[in-house]
Amino acid sequence: MENVRLLTESIEKQTLSPYATLSSDSVGREKKEEKCELRTEFQRDRDRIIHCKAFRRLKHKTQVFLSPESDHYRTRLTHTLEVAQIARTIARALRFNEDLTEAIALAHDLGHTPFGHAGERALNELYSGGFTHYAQSVRVCRVIEKAGKGLNLTHEVLDGIMNHTKGEWPHTPEGKIVRFSDRIAYINHDIDDAIGAGVFSEDIIPLEIREVLGFRKSERINTLVKSLVENTEKDDVKMDDRTANAYESLHKFMYDTLYLNPAVKFEETKVDGIVSGIYDFLLKNPDKLDDEYKAIREREGIERAAVDYIAGMTDHFAVTTYSDIYIPKAWKV
């Protein structure tokens, strides 16, 4: 059988931008593996991510609205898929590596906590080593998945995951695309969800923002994507100043109107108690950890193991676990 991977690598060299990250030029994996005959290194990474447990759990993790009753609010999984779709569109238009872009996008939130950023803040305050969802996403891929074996992803994918949200920028243009796509996706689907929830209406978004970015979700996404495609130079992924400034104004509007809205965030006041309650219980009862986290406890201590265990929980499982620990059961005769 012809080696399909080699053919794909050859096509990449012939068709992708000279600034794209070629799969054949990957720095490689922490643990060396024999290469696949069918798939490039970045295709293998994407497939490993889609098939892992942490990816499946994203469907039951909060994006913005905790435990929504409607089926149409975003979850961490639907957010991830929207990021991947936007990122692939940009990568294809710029002739960067779509497989690498998609792999980073699909894995960027694998380490996110239950209850969204409220859960992240709670764990960061509890754990002496500090906690961020992006570092935890890398940890999921390196040391938690597959019963501690990890997914053994390529250096380029791990770099994109680690640097997808703040601080140092990714070292590949594909990682930079995901960082922009994450911001484009969440601000627009959060507006959509907020309007659906009756928190505000489209017409209260300041007119000067809508005149630049657009008057509907699809228009805004199109404007932001086009700005990136039209203004990226070589491997420097960027928007024009007018569009970037309008985005930052929209981001501030969303913080003032939604992300810090007391009515929307009221349920989040309960998150600290749930997370800290489970954390304290596990520190006092380390034998209650699931088996796959006991090796982490022996190697890195109970605090680290407890953080990993809680970060991996879905919203429902965290609430059920807290209830099982602290809520008395009815006595049955």
C-alpha atoms as a PDB file:
ATOM      1  CA  MET A   1       0.000   0.000   0.000  1.00  0.00           C
ATOM      2  CA  GLU A   2       1.247   3.453  -0.876  1.00  0.00           C
ATOM      3  CA  ASN A   3       2.257   5.499   2.142  1.00  0.00           C
ATOM      4  CA  VAL A   4      -0.602   7.999   2.267  1.00  0.00           C
ATOM      5  CA  ARG A   5       1.079  10.086   4.983  1.00  0.00           C
ATOM      6  CA  LEU A   6       4.079  10.787   2.776  1.00  0.00           C
ATOM      7  CA  LEU A   7       1.764  11.834  -0.042  1.00  0.00           C
ATOM      8  CA  THR A   8      -0.122  14.191   2.299  1.00  0.00           C
ATOM      9  CA  GLU A   9       3.143  15.661   3.567  1.00  0.00           C
ATOM     10  CA  SER A  10       4.218  16.247  -0.025  1.00  0.00           C
ATOM     11  CA  ILE A  11       0.927  18.002  -0.809  1.00  0.00           C
ATOM     12  CA  GLU A  12       1.408  20.218   2.253  1.00  0.00           C
ATOM     13  CA  LYS A  13       4.825  21.302   0.996  1.00  0.00           C
ATOM     14  CA  GLN A  14       3.434  22.126  -2.430  1.00  0.00           C
ATOM     15  CA  THR A  15       0.216  23.892  -1.429  1.00  0.00           C
ATOM     16  CA  LEU A  16       0.567  25.488   2.002  1.00  0.00           C
ATOM     17  CA  SER A  17       1.924  28.946   2.714  1.00  0.00           C
ATOM     18  CA  PRO A  18       5.714  29.134   3.146  1.00  0.00           C
ATOM     19  CA  TYR A  19       4.923  30.325   6.689  1.00  0.00           C
ATOM     20  CA  ALA A  20       2.667  27.373   7.548  1.00  0.00           C
ATOM     21  CA  THR A  21       3.761  24.682   9.996  1.00  0.00           C
ATOM     22  CA  LEU A  22       4.389  21.503   8.011  1.00  0.00           C
ATOM     23  CA  SER A  23       3.558  18.232   9.721  1.00  0.00           C
ATOM     24  CA  SER A  24       6.786  16.749   8.391  1.00  0.00           C
ATOM     25  CA  ASP A  25       8.716  19.469  10.243  1.00  0.00           C
ATOM     26  CA  SER A  26       7.099  18.843  13.635  1.00  0.00           C
ATOM     27  CA  VAL A  27       9.459  19.019  16.596  1.00  0.00           C
ATOM     28  CA  GLY A  28       7.898  15.706  17.605  1.00  0.00           C
ATOM     29  CA  ARG A  29       6.493  14.078  20.729  1.00  0.00           C
ATOM     30  CA  GLU A  30       7.836  13.620  24.245  1.00  0.00           C
ATOM     31  CA  LYS A  31       7.823   9.865  23.679  1.00  0.00           C
ATOM     32  CA  LYS A  32       8.946   8.765  20.236  1.00  0.00           C
ATOM     33  CA  GLU A  33       6.484   6.695  18.237  1.00  0.00           C
ATOM     34  CA  GLU A  34       6.536   4.958  14.889  1.00  0.00           C
ATOM     35  CA  LYS A  35       4.772   7.182  12.370  1.00  0.00           C
ATOM     36  CA  CYS A  36       1.398   6.276  10.888  1.00  0.00           C
ATOM     37  CA  GLU A  37       1.173   5.251   7.231  1.00  0.00           C
ATOM     38  CA  LEU A  38      -2.163   7.005   6.750  1.00  0.00           C
ATOM     39  CA  ARG A  39      -2.136  10.114   8.915  1.00  0.00           C
ATOM     40  CA  THR A  40       0.248  12.994   9.488  1.00  0.00           C
ATOM     41  CA  GLU A  41       1.405  13.774  13.012  1.00  0.00           C
ATOM     42  CA  PHE A  42      -1.151  16.551  13.430  1.00  0.00           C
ATOM     43  CA  GLN A  43      -3.979  14.383  12.084  1.00  0.00           C
ATOM     44  CA  ARG A  44      -3.116  11.756  14.674  1.00  0.00           C
ATOM     45  CA  ASP A  45      -3.215  14.406  17.403  1.00  0.00           C
ATOM     46  CA  ARG A  46      -6.654  15.566  16.313  1.00  0.00           C
ATOM     47  CA  ASP A  47      -7.974  11.995  16.342  1.00  0.00           C
ATOM     48  CA  ARG A  48      -6.540  11.274  19.808  1.00  0.00           C
ATOM     49  CA  ILE A  49      -8.185  14.412  21.178  1.00  0.00           C
ATOM     50  CA  ILE A  50     -11.623  13.614  19.736  1.00  0.00           C
ATOM     51  CA  HIS A  51     -11.539  10.081  21.162  1.00  0.00           C
ATOM     52  CA  CYS A  52     -10.358  10.992  24.680  1.00  0.00           C
ATOM     53  CA  LYS A  53     -12.562  11.047  27.775  1.00  0.00           C
ATOM     54  CA  ALA A  54     -11.913  14.700  28.585  1.00  0.00           C
ATOM     55  CA  PHE A  55     -13.293  15.729  25.198  1.00  0.00           C
ATOM     56  CA  ARG A  56     -16.542  13.836  25.766  1.00  0.00           C
ATOM     57  CA  ARG A  57     -17.001  15.434  29.190  1.00  0.00           C
ATOM     58  CA  LEU A  58     -17.014  18.925  27.667  1.00  0.00           C
ATOM     59  CA  LYS A  59     -20.654  18.458  26.632  1.00  0.00           C
ATOM     60  CA  HIS A  60     -21.684  18.661  30.308  1.00  0.00           C
ATOM     61  CA  LYS A  61     -19.491  21.610  31.335  1.00  0.00           C
ATOM     62  CA  THR A  62     -20.720  25.191  31.639  1.00  0.00           C
ATOM     63  CA  GLN A  63     -19.797  27.883  29.151  1.00  0.00           C
ATOM     64  CA  VAL A  64     -21.501  30.951  30.697  1.00  0.00           C
ATOM     65  CA  PHE A  65     -24.941  29.976  31.992  1.00  0.00           C
ATOM     66  CA  LEU A  66     -24.876  27.416  34.812  1.00  0.00           C
ATOM     67  CA  SER A  67     -27.227  24.436  34.392  1.00  0.00           C
ATOM     68  CA  PRO A  68     -29.442  25.998  31.720  1.00  0.00           C
ATOM     69  CA  GLU A  69     -32.809  24.351  31.210  1.00  0.00           C
ATOM     70  CA  SER A  70     -32.884  25.012  27.457  1.00  0.00           C
ATOM     71  CA  ASP A  71     -30.971  22.680  25.143  1.00  0.00           C
ATOM     72  CA  HIS A  72     -29.816  25.587  23.000  1.00  0.00           C
ATOM     73  CA  TYR A  73     -27.361  27.303  25.341  1.00  0.00           C
ATOM     74  CA  ARG A  74     -23.692  26.699  24.590  1.00  0.00           C
ATOM     75  CA  THR A  75     -21.691  24.170  26.544  1.00  0.00           C
ATOM     76  CA  ARG A  76     -17.933  23.887  26.673  1.00  0.00           C
ATOM     77  CA  LEU A  77     -18.171  21.311  23.858  1.00  0.00           C
ATOM     78  CA  THR A  78     -20.256  23.413  21.480  1.00  0.00           C
ATOM     79  CA  HIS A  79     -17.923  26.342  22.190  1.00  0.00           C
ATOM     80  CA  THR A  80     -14.979  24.127  21.250  1.00  0.00           C
ATOM     81  CA  LEU A  81     -16.607  23.092  17.986  1.00  0.00           C
ATOM     82  CA  GLU A  82     -17.378  26.706  17.084  1.00  0.00           C
ATOM     83  CA  VAL A  83     -13.758  27.680  17.771  1.00  0.00           C
ATOM     84  CA  ALA A  84     -12.558  24.833  15.557  1.00  0.00           C
ATOM     85  CA  GLN A  85     -14.882  25.854  12.717  1.00  0.00           C
ATOM     86  CA  ILE A  86     -13.789  29.511  12.789  1.00  0.00           C
ATOM     87  CA  ALA A  87     -10.121  28.569  13.119  1.00  0.00           C
ATOM     88  CA  ARG A  88     -10.265  26.172  10.181  1.00  0.00           C
ATOM     89  CA  THR A  89     -11.893  28.813   7.992  1.00  0.00           C
ATOM     90  CA  ILE A  90      -9.084  31.259   8.745  1.00  0.00           C
ATOM     91  CA  ALA A  91      -6.356  28.639   8.332  1.00  0.00           C
ATOM     92  CA  ARG A  92      -7.713  27.507   4.989  1.00  0.00           C
ATOM     93  CA  ALA A  93      -7.993  31.073   3.681  1.00  0.00           C
ATOM     94  CA  LEU A  94      -4.387  31.799   4.689  1.00  0.00           C
ATOM     95  CA  ARG A  95      -3.137  28.360   3.553  1.00  0.00           C
ATOM     96  CA  PHE A  96      -1.864  27.467   7.013  1.00  0.00           C
ATOM     97  CA  ASN A  97      -2.039  23.916   8.370  1.00  0.00           C
ATOM     98  CA  GLU A  98      -5.705  23.090   9.012  1.00  0.00           C
ATOM     99  CA  ASP A  99      -4.949  19.833  10.833  1.00  0.00           C
ATOM    100  CA  LEU A 100      -2.685  21.528  13.369  1.00  0.00           C
ATOM    101  CA  THR A 101      -5.161  24.379  13.761  1.00  0.00           C
ATOM    102  CA  GLU A 102      -8.052  21.991  14.363  1.00  0.00           C
ATOM    103  CA  ALA A 103      -6.117  19.852  16.842  1.00  0.00           C
ATOM    104  CA  ILE A 104      -5.233  22.890  18.969  1.00  0.00           C
ATOM    105  CA  ALA A 105      -8.806  24.196  18.816  1.00  0.00           C
ATOM    106  CA  LEU A 106     -10.356  20.878  19.820  1.00  0.00           C
ATOM    107  CA  ALA A 107      -8.002  20.485  22.795  1.00  0.00           C
ATOM    108  CA  HIS A 108      -7.750  24.057  24.037  1.00  0.00           C
ATOM    109  CA  ASP A 109     -10.343  23.634  26.826  1.00  0.00           C
ATOM    110  CA  LEU A 110      -9.874  19.974  27.773  1.00  0.00           C
ATOM    111  CA  GLY A 111      -8.740  20.988  31.249  1.00  0.00           C
ATOM    112  CA  HIS A 112     -11.562  23.410  31.935  1.00  0.00           C
ATOM    113  CA  THR A 113     -13.316  23.041  35.263  1.00  0.00           C
ATOM    114  CA  PRO A 114     -16.985  22.473  35.985  1.00  0.00           C
ATOM    115  CA  PHE A 115     -18.968  25.725  36.358  1.00  0.00           C
ATOM    116  CA  GLY A 116     -16.858  27.611  33.820  1.00  0.00           C
ATOM    117  CA  HIS A 117     -14.483  30.325  35.000  1.00  0.00           C
ATOM    118  CA  ALA A 118     -16.119  30.355  38.437  1.00  0.00           C
ATOM    119  CA  GLY A 119     -14.796  26.821  38.971  1.00  0.00           C
ATOM    120  CA  GLU A 120     -11.398  27.873  37.660  1.00  0.00           C
ATOM    121  CA  ARG A 121     -11.205  30.776  40.104  1.00  0.00           C
ATOM    122  CA  ALA A 122     -12.267  28.550  42.989  1.00  0.00           C
ATOM    123  CA  LEU A 123      -9.523  25.995  42.329  1.00  0.00           C
ATOM    124  CA  ASN A 124      -6.938  28.711  41.822  1.00  0.00           C
ATOM    125  CA  GLU A 125      -7.729  30.100  45.276  1.00  0.00           C
ATOM    126  CA  LEU A 126      -7.660  26.677  46.934  1.00  0.00           C
ATOM    127  CA  TYR A 127      -4.560  25.123  45.404  1.00  0.00           C
ATOM    128  CA  SER A 128      -1.197  26.457  46.570  1.00  0.00           C
ATOM    129  CA  GLY A 129       0.337  25.722  43.157  1.00  0.00           C
ATOM    130  CA  GLY A 130      -2.228  27.896  41.382  1.00  0.00           C
ATOM    131  CA  PHE A 131      -4.637  26.803  38.690  1.00  0.00           C
ATOM    132  CA  THR A 132      -5.378  27.915  35.123  1.00  0.00           C
ATOM    133  CA  HIS A 133      -7.529  26.018  32.662  1.00  0.00           C
ATOM    134  CA  TYR A 134      -4.950  26.304  29.869  1.00  0.00           C
ATOM    135  CA  ALA A 135      -2.154  24.747  31.930  1.00  0.00           C
ATOM    136  CA  GLN A 136      -4.613  22.083  33.078  1.00  0.00           C
ATOM    137  CA  SER A 137      -5.532  21.361  29.450  1.00  0.00           C
ATOM    138  CA  VAL A 138      -1.881  20.621  28.733  1.00  0.00           C
ATOM    139  CA  ARG A 139      -1.709  18.475  31.873  1.00  0.00           C
ATOM    140  CA  VAL A 140      -4.749  16.476  30.751  1.00  0.00           C
ATOM    141  CA  CYS A 141      -2.996  15.748  27.464  1.00  0.00           C
ATOM    142  CA  ARG A 142       0.375  14.944  29.018  1.00  0.00           C
ATOM    143  CA  VAL A 143      -0.252  13.102  32.287  1.00  0.00           C
ATOM    144  CA  ILE A 144      -3.944  12.454  32.993  1.00  0.00           C
ATOM    145  CA  GLU A 145      -5.563  10.935  29.923  1.00  0.00           C
ATOM    146  CA  LYS A 146      -5.329   7.212  29.171  1.00  0.00           C
ATOM    147  CA  ALA A 147      -4.901   6.259  32.824  1.00  0.00           C
ATOM    148  CA  GLY A 148      -1.812   8.406  33.274  1.00  0.00           C
ATOM    149  CA  LYS A 149      -0.122   7.604  29.982  1.00  0.00           C
ATOM    150  CA  GLY A 150      -1.244  10.845  28.351  1.00  0.00           C
ATOM    151  CA  LEU A 151      -2.055  11.416  24.699  1.00  0.00           C
ATOM    152  CA  ASN A 152       1.591  12.076  23.768  1.00  0.00           C
ATOM    153  CA  LEU A 153       0.706  14.990  21.494  1.00  0.00           C
ATOM    154  CA  THR A 154       3.178  16.911  19.371  1.00  0.00           C
ATOM    155  CA  HIS A 155       5.049  19.904  20.724  1.00  0.00           C
ATOM    156  CA  GLU A 156       3.204  22.278  18.363  1.00  0.00           C
ATOM    157  CA  VAL A 157      -0.248  21.257  19.606  1.00  0.00           C
ATOM    158  CA  LEU A 158       0.774  21.503  23.263  1.00  0.00           C
ATOM    159  CA  ASP A 159       2.271  24.946  22.622  1.00  0.00           C
ATOM    160  CA  GLY A 160      -0.957  26.142  21.029  1.00  0.00           C
ATOM    161  CA  ILE A 161      -3.039  24.837  23.938  1.00  0.00           C
ATOM    162  CA  MET A 162      -0.820  26.377  26.598  1.00  0.00           C
ATOM    163  CA  ASN A 163      -0.769  29.813  24.961  1.00  0.00           C
ATOM    164  CA  HIS A 164      -4.321  30.037  23.637  1.00  0.00           C
ATOM    165  CA  THR A 165      -5.683  32.619  26.060  1.00  0.00           C
ATOM    166  CA  LYS A 166      -3.156  35.042  27.601  1.00  0.00           C
ATOM    167  CA  GLY A 167       0.514  35.726  28.197  1.00  0.00           C
ATOM    168  CA  GLU A 168       3.039  34.472  25.691  1.00  0.00           C
ATOM    169  CA  TRP A 169       1.724  33.963  22.167  1.00  0.00           C
ATOM    170  CA  PRO A 170       1.863  30.548  20.476  1.00  0.00           C
ATOM    171  CA  HIS A 171       4.962  29.899  18.418  1.00  0.00           C
ATOM    172  CA  THR A 172       3.052  28.776  15.316  1.00  0.00           C
ATOM    173  CA  PRO A 173       0.682  30.838  13.155  1.00  0.00           C
ATOM    174  CA  GLU A 174      -1.867  28.046  13.589  1.00  0.00           C
ATOM    175  CA  GLY A 175      -1.769  28.506  17.363  1.00  0.00           C
ATOM    176  CA  LYS A 176      -2.213  32.261  16.917  1.00  0.00           C
ATOM    177  CA  ILE A 177      -5.277  31.628  14.760  1.00  0.00           C
ATOM    178  CA  VAL A 178      -6.846  29.529  17.519  1.00  0.00           C
ATOM    179  CA  ARG A 179      -6.185  32.261  20.075  1.00  0.00           C
ATOM    180  CA  PHE A 180      -8.079  34.774  17.937  1.00  0.00           C
ATOM    181  CA  SER A 181     -10.790  32.242  17.051  1.00  0.00           C
ATOM    182  CA  ASP A 182     -11.460  31.488  20.716  1.00  0.00           C
ATOM    183  CA  ARG A 183     -12.163  35.164  21.353  1.00  0.00           C
ATOM    184  CA  ILE A 184     -14.270  35.544  18.208  1.00  0.00           C
ATOM    185  CA  ALA A 185     -16.346  32.479  19.079  1.00  0.00           C
ATOM    186  CA  TYR A 186     -17.040  33.087  22.741  1.00  0.00           C
ATOM    187  CA  ILE A 187     -17.971  36.752  22.540  1.00  0.00           C
ATOM    188  CA  ASN A 188     -20.433  36.150  19.712  1.00  0.00           C
ATOM    189  CA  HIS A 189     -22.063  33.016  21.064  1.00  0.00           C
ATOM    190  CA  ASP A 190     -22.259  34.607  24.515  1.00  0.00           C
ATOM    191  CA  ILE A 191     -24.173  37.519  22.967  1.00  0.00           C
ATOM    192  CA  ASP A 192     -26.456  35.006  21.264  1.00  0.00           C
ATOM    193  CA  ASP A 193     -27.073  33.128  24.525  1.00  0.00           C
ATOM    194  CA  ALA A 194     -27.606  36.343  26.483  1.00  0.00           C
ATOM    195  CA  ILE A 195     -30.214  37.535  23.993  1.00  0.00           C
ATOM    196  CA  GLY A 196     -31.899  34.120  24.138  1.00  0.00           C
ATOM    197  CA  ALA A 197     -31.938  34.340  27.934  1.00  0.00           C
ATOM    198  CA  GLY A 198     -33.503  37.793  27.861  1.00  0.00           C
ATOM    199  CA  VAL A 199     -30.509  39.425  29.557  1.00  0.00           C
ATOM    200  CA  PHE A 200     -30.310  42.100  26.866  1.00  0.00           C
ATOM    201  CA  SER A 201     -31.283  42.707  23.252  1.00  0.00           C
ATOM    202  CA  GLU A 202     -29.110  43.232  20.201  1.00  0.00           C
ATOM    203  CA  ASP A 203     -29.981  46.915  19.989  1.00  0.00           C
ATOM    204  CA  ILE A 204     -28.355  47.826  23.322  1.00  0.00           C
ATOM    205  CA  ILE A 205     -24.918  46.965  21.926  1.00  0.00           C
ATOM    206  CA  PRO A 206     -23.425  50.434  21.305  1.00  0.00           C
ATOM    207  CA  LEU A 207     -24.114  51.632  17.782  1.00  0.00           C
ATOM    208  CA  GLU A 208     -20.479  52.594  17.164  1.00  0.00           C
ATOM    209  CA  ILE A 209     -19.489  48.948  17.746  1.00  0.00           C
ATOM    210  CA  ARG A 210     -22.221  47.539  15.529  1.00  0.00           C
ATOM    211  CA  GLU A 211     -21.384  49.955  12.719  1.00  0.00           C
ATOM    212  CA  VAL A 212     -17.868  48.496  12.579  1.00  0.00           C
ATOM    213  CA  LEU A 213     -18.454  44.812  13.375  1.00  0.00           C
ATOM    214  CA  GLY A 214     -22.009  44.256  12.140  1.00  0.00           C
ATOM    215  CA  PHE A 215     -25.586  44.134  13.361  1.00  0.00           C
ATOM    216  CA  ARG A 216     -25.928  40.336  13.654  1.00  0.00           C
ATOM    217  CA  LYS A 217     -23.790  37.472  14.953  1.00  0.00           C
ATOM    218  CA  SER A 218     -22.937  36.213  11.469  1.00  0.00           C
ATOM    219  CA  GLU A 219     -21.930  39.717  10.341  1.00  0.00           C
ATOM    220  CA  ARG A 220     -19.675  40.195  13.356  1.00  0.00           C
ATOM    221  CA  ILE A 221     -17.948  36.855  12.899  1.00  0.00           C
ATOM    222  CA  ASN A 222     -17.496  37.532   9.187  1.00  0.00           C
ATOM    223  CA  THR A 223     -16.011  40.973   9.850  1.00  0.00           C
ATOM    224  CA  LEU A 224     -13.527  39.654  12.418  1.00  0.00           C
ATOM    225  CA  VAL A 225     -12.497  36.678  10.289  1.00  0.00           C
ATOM    226  CA  LYS A 226     -12.055  38.805   7.172  1.00  0.00           C
ATOM    227  CA  SER A 227      -9.954  41.295   9.094  1.00  0.00           C
ATOM    228  CA  LEU A 228      -7.566  38.519  10.155  1.00  0.00           C
ATOM    229  CA  VAL A 229      -7.359  37.064   6.654  1.00  0.00           C
ATOM    230  CA  GLU A 230      -6.789  40.432   5.007  1.00  0.00           C
ATOM    231  CA  ASN A 231      -4.266  41.809   7.514  1.00  0.00           C
ATOM    232  CA  THR A 232      -2.097  38.804   8.396  1.00  0.00           C
ATOM    233  CA  GLU A 233       1.447  39.239   7.122  1.00  0.00           C
ATOM    234  CA  LYS A 234       3.675  36.194   6.800  1.00  0.00           C
ATOM    235  CA  ASP A 235       3.167  34.389  10.147  1.00  0.00           C
ATOM    236  CA  ASP A 236       2.030  37.526  12.001  1.00  0.00           C
ATOM    237  CA  VAL A 237      -1.696  36.887  12.500  1.00  0.00           C
ATOM    238  CA  LYS A 238      -3.482  40.181  13.191  1.00  0.00           C
ATOM    239  CA  MET A 239      -6.513  42.412  12.594  1.00  0.00           C
ATOM    240  CA  ASP A 240      -6.641  45.990  11.399  1.00  0.00           C
ATOM    241  CA  ASP A 241      -6.703  48.565  14.198  1.00  0.00           C
ATOM    242  CA  ARG A 242     -10.295  49.720  13.613  1.00  0.00           C
ATOM    243  CA  THR A 243     -11.713  46.206  13.865  1.00  0.00           C
ATOM    244  CA  ALA A 244      -9.469  45.256  16.796  1.00  0.00           C
ATOM    245  CA  ASN A 245     -10.505  48.369  18.723  1.00  0.00           C
ATOM    246  CA  ALA A 246     -14.191  47.681  18.067  1.00  0.00           C
ATOM    247  CA  TYR A 247     -13.713  44.131  19.336  1.00  0.00           C
ATOM    248  CA  GLU A 248     -12.109  45.384  22.557  1.00  0.00           C
ATOM    249  CA  SER A 249     -15.006  47.787  23.058  1.00  0.00           C
ATOM    250  CA  LEU A 250     -17.451  44.916  22.558  1.00  0.00           C
ATOM    251  CA  HIS A 251     -15.489  42.826  25.056  1.00  0.00           C
ATOM    252  CA  LYS A 252     -15.754  45.595  27.663  1.00  0.00           C
ATOM    253  CA  PHE A 253     -19.472  45.917  26.959  1.00  0.00           C
ATOM    254  CA  MET A 254     -19.903  42.186  27.557  1.00  0.00           C
ATOM    255  CA  TYR A 255     -18.056  42.336  30.874  1.00  0.00           C
ATOM    256  CA  ASP A 256     -20.196  45.196  32.087  1.00  0.00           C
ATOM    257  CA  THR A 257     -23.468  43.749  30.790  1.00  0.00           C
ATOM    258  CA  LEU A 258     -23.136  39.961  31.030  1.00  0.00           C
ATOM    259  CA  TYR A 259     -19.986  38.524  32.604  1.00  0.00           C
ATOM    260  CA  LEU A 260     -20.310  40.640  35.762  1.00  0.00           C
ATOM    261  CA  ASN A 261     -24.112  40.829  35.732  1.00  0.00           C
ATOM    262  CA  PRO A 262     -25.358  39.956  39.267  1.00  0.00           C
ATOM    263  CA  ALA A 263     -28.583  38.424  37.951  1.00  0.00           C
ATOM    264  CA  VAL A 264     -26.693  36.112  35.599  1.00  0.00           C
ATOM    265  CA  LYS A 265     -23.917  35.276  38.013  1.00  0.00           C
ATOM    266  CA  PHE A 266     -25.997  34.724  41.158  1.00  0.00           C
ATOM    267  CA  GLU A 267     -25.756  30.937  40.938  1.00  0.00           C
ATOM    268  CA  GLU A 268     -21.954  31.233  40.684  1.00  0.00           C
ATOM    269  CA  THR A 269     -21.890  32.391  44.310  1.00  0.00           C
ATOM    270  CA  LYS A 270     -22.567  28.754  45.220  1.00  0.00           C
ATOM    271  CA  VAL A 271     -19.641  27.394  43.205  1.00  0.00           C
ATOM    272  CA  ASP A 272     -16.952  28.252  45.771  1.00  0.00           C
ATOM    273  CA  GLY A 273     -18.756  26.231  48.411  1.00  0.00           C
ATOM    274  CA  ILE A 274     -19.211  23.195  46.180  1.00  0.00           C
ATOM    275  CA  VAL A 275     -15.620  23.154  44.917  1.00  0.00           C
ATOM    276  CA  SER A 276     -14.034  23.874  48.293  1.00  0.00           C
ATOM    277  CA  GLY A 277     -16.299  21.349  49.994  1.00  0.00           C
ATOM    278  CA  ILE A 278     -15.232  18.544  47.646  1.00  0.00           C
ATOM    279  CA  TYR A 279     -11.585  19.631  47.844  1.00  0.00           C
ATOM    280  CA  ASP A 280     -11.527  19.625  51.663  1.00  0.00           C
ATOM    281  CA  PHE A 281     -13.257  16.257  51.788  1.00  0.00           C
ATOM    282  CA  LEU A 282     -10.715  14.674  49.409  1.00  0.00           C
ATOM    283  CA  LEU A 283      -7.779  16.052  51.395  1.00  0.00           C
ATOM    284  CA  LYS A 284      -9.184  14.389  54.510  1.00  0.00           C
ATOM    285  CA  ASN A 285     -10.315  11.228  52.702  1.00  0.00           C
ATOM    286  CA  PRO A 286      -7.748  10.537  49.959  1.00  0.00           C
ATOM    287  CA  ASP A 287      -8.970   6.959  49.616  1.00  0.00           C
ATOM    288  CA  LYS A 288     -12.168   8.355  48.034  1.00  0.00           C
ATOM    289  CA  LEU A 289     -10.311   9.393  44.893  1.00  0.00           C
ATOM    290  CA  ASP A 290     -11.036   7.437  41.730  1.00  0.00           C
ATOM    291  CA  ASP A 291      -8.369   4.829  41.019  1.00  0.00           C
ATOM    292  CA  GLU A 292      -6.868   6.701  38.068  1.00  0.00           C
ATOM    293  CA  TYR A 293      -5.982   9.626  40.363  1.00  0.00           C
ATOM    294  CA  LYS A 294      -4.380   7.543  43.090  1.00  0.00           C
ATOM    295  CA  ALA A 295      -1.152   7.265  41.127  1.00  0.00           C
ATOM    296  CA  ILE A 296      -1.043  11.064  40.904  1.00  0.00           C
ATOM    297  CA  ARG A 297      -1.557  11.251  44.685  1.00  0.00           C
ATOM    298  CA  GLU A 298       1.384   8.917  45.285  1.00  0.00           C
ATOM    299  CA  ARG A 299       3.593  10.770  42.845  1.00  0.00           C
ATOM    300  CA  GLU A 300       2.609  14.424  43.401  1.00  0.00           C
ATOM    301  CA  GLY A 301       0.552  14.536  46.577  1.00  0.00           C
ATOM    302  CA  ILE A 302      -3.104  14.626  47.525  1.00  0.00           C
ATOM    303  CA  GLU A 303      -3.606  18.331  46.735  1.00  0.00           C
ATOM    304  CA  ARG A 304      -2.535  17.889  43.122  1.00  0.00           C
ATOM    305  CA  ALA A 305      -4.626  14.742  42.747  1.00  0.00           C
ATOM    306  CA  ALA A 306      -7.692  16.425  44.240  1.00  0.00           C
ATOM    307  CA  VAL A 307      -7.353  19.398  41.880  1.00  0.00           C
ATOM    308  CA  ASP A 308      -7.034  17.098  38.862  1.00  0.00           C
ATOM    309  CA  TYR A 309     -10.056  15.090  39.953  1.00  0.00           C
ATOM    310  CA  ILE A 310     -12.283  18.134  40.526  1.00  0.00           C
ATOM    311  CA  ALA A 311     -11.152  19.872  37.326  1.00  0.00           C
ATOM    312  CA  GLY A 312     -12.210  16.803  35.357  1.00  0.00           C
ATOM    313  CA  MET A 313     -15.743  16.766  36.783  1.00  0.00           C
ATOM    314  CA  THR A 314     -18.813  17.804  34.831  1.00  0.00           C
ATOM    315  CA  ASP A 315     -21.188  20.284  36.461  1.00  0.00           C
ATOM    316  CA  HIS A 316     -23.723  17.577  37.284  1.00  0.00           C
ATOM    317  CA  PHE A 317     -21.146  15.178  38.699  1.00  0.00           C
ATOM    318  CA  ALA A 318     -19.681  17.907  40.930  1.00  0.00           C
ATOM    319  CA  VAL A 319     -23.125  18.751  42.322  1.00  0.00           C
ATOM    320  CA  THR A 320     -23.940  15.071  42.842  1.00  0.00           C
ATOM    321  CA  THR A 321     -20.592  14.433  44.537  1.00  0.00           C
ATOM    322  CA  TYR A 322     -21.073  17.391  46.871  1.00  0.00           C
ATOM    323  CA  SER A 323     -24.596  16.209  47.679  1.00  0.00           C
ATOM    324  CA  ASP A 324     -23.410  12.669  48.406  1.00  0.00           C
ATOM    325  CA  ILE A 325     -20.776  14.036  50.792  1.00  0.00           C
ATOM    326  CA  TYR A 326     -22.726  16.665  52.692  1.00  0.00           C
ATOM    327  CA  ILE A 327     -26.477  16.201  52.235  1.00  0.00           C
ATOM    328  CA  PRO A 328     -28.018  13.637  54.635  1.00  0.00           C
ATOM    329  CA  LYS A 329     -29.825  10.739  52.994  1.00  0.00           C
ATOM    330  CA  ALA A 330     -33.366   9.851  53.954  1.00  0.00           C
ATOM    331  CA  TRP A 331     -33.441   6.920  56.371  1.00  0.00           C
ATOM    332  CA  LYS A 332     -34.941   3.819  54.845  1.00  0.00           C
ATOM    333  CA  VAL A 333     -36.522   1.168  57.040  1.00  0.00           C
END
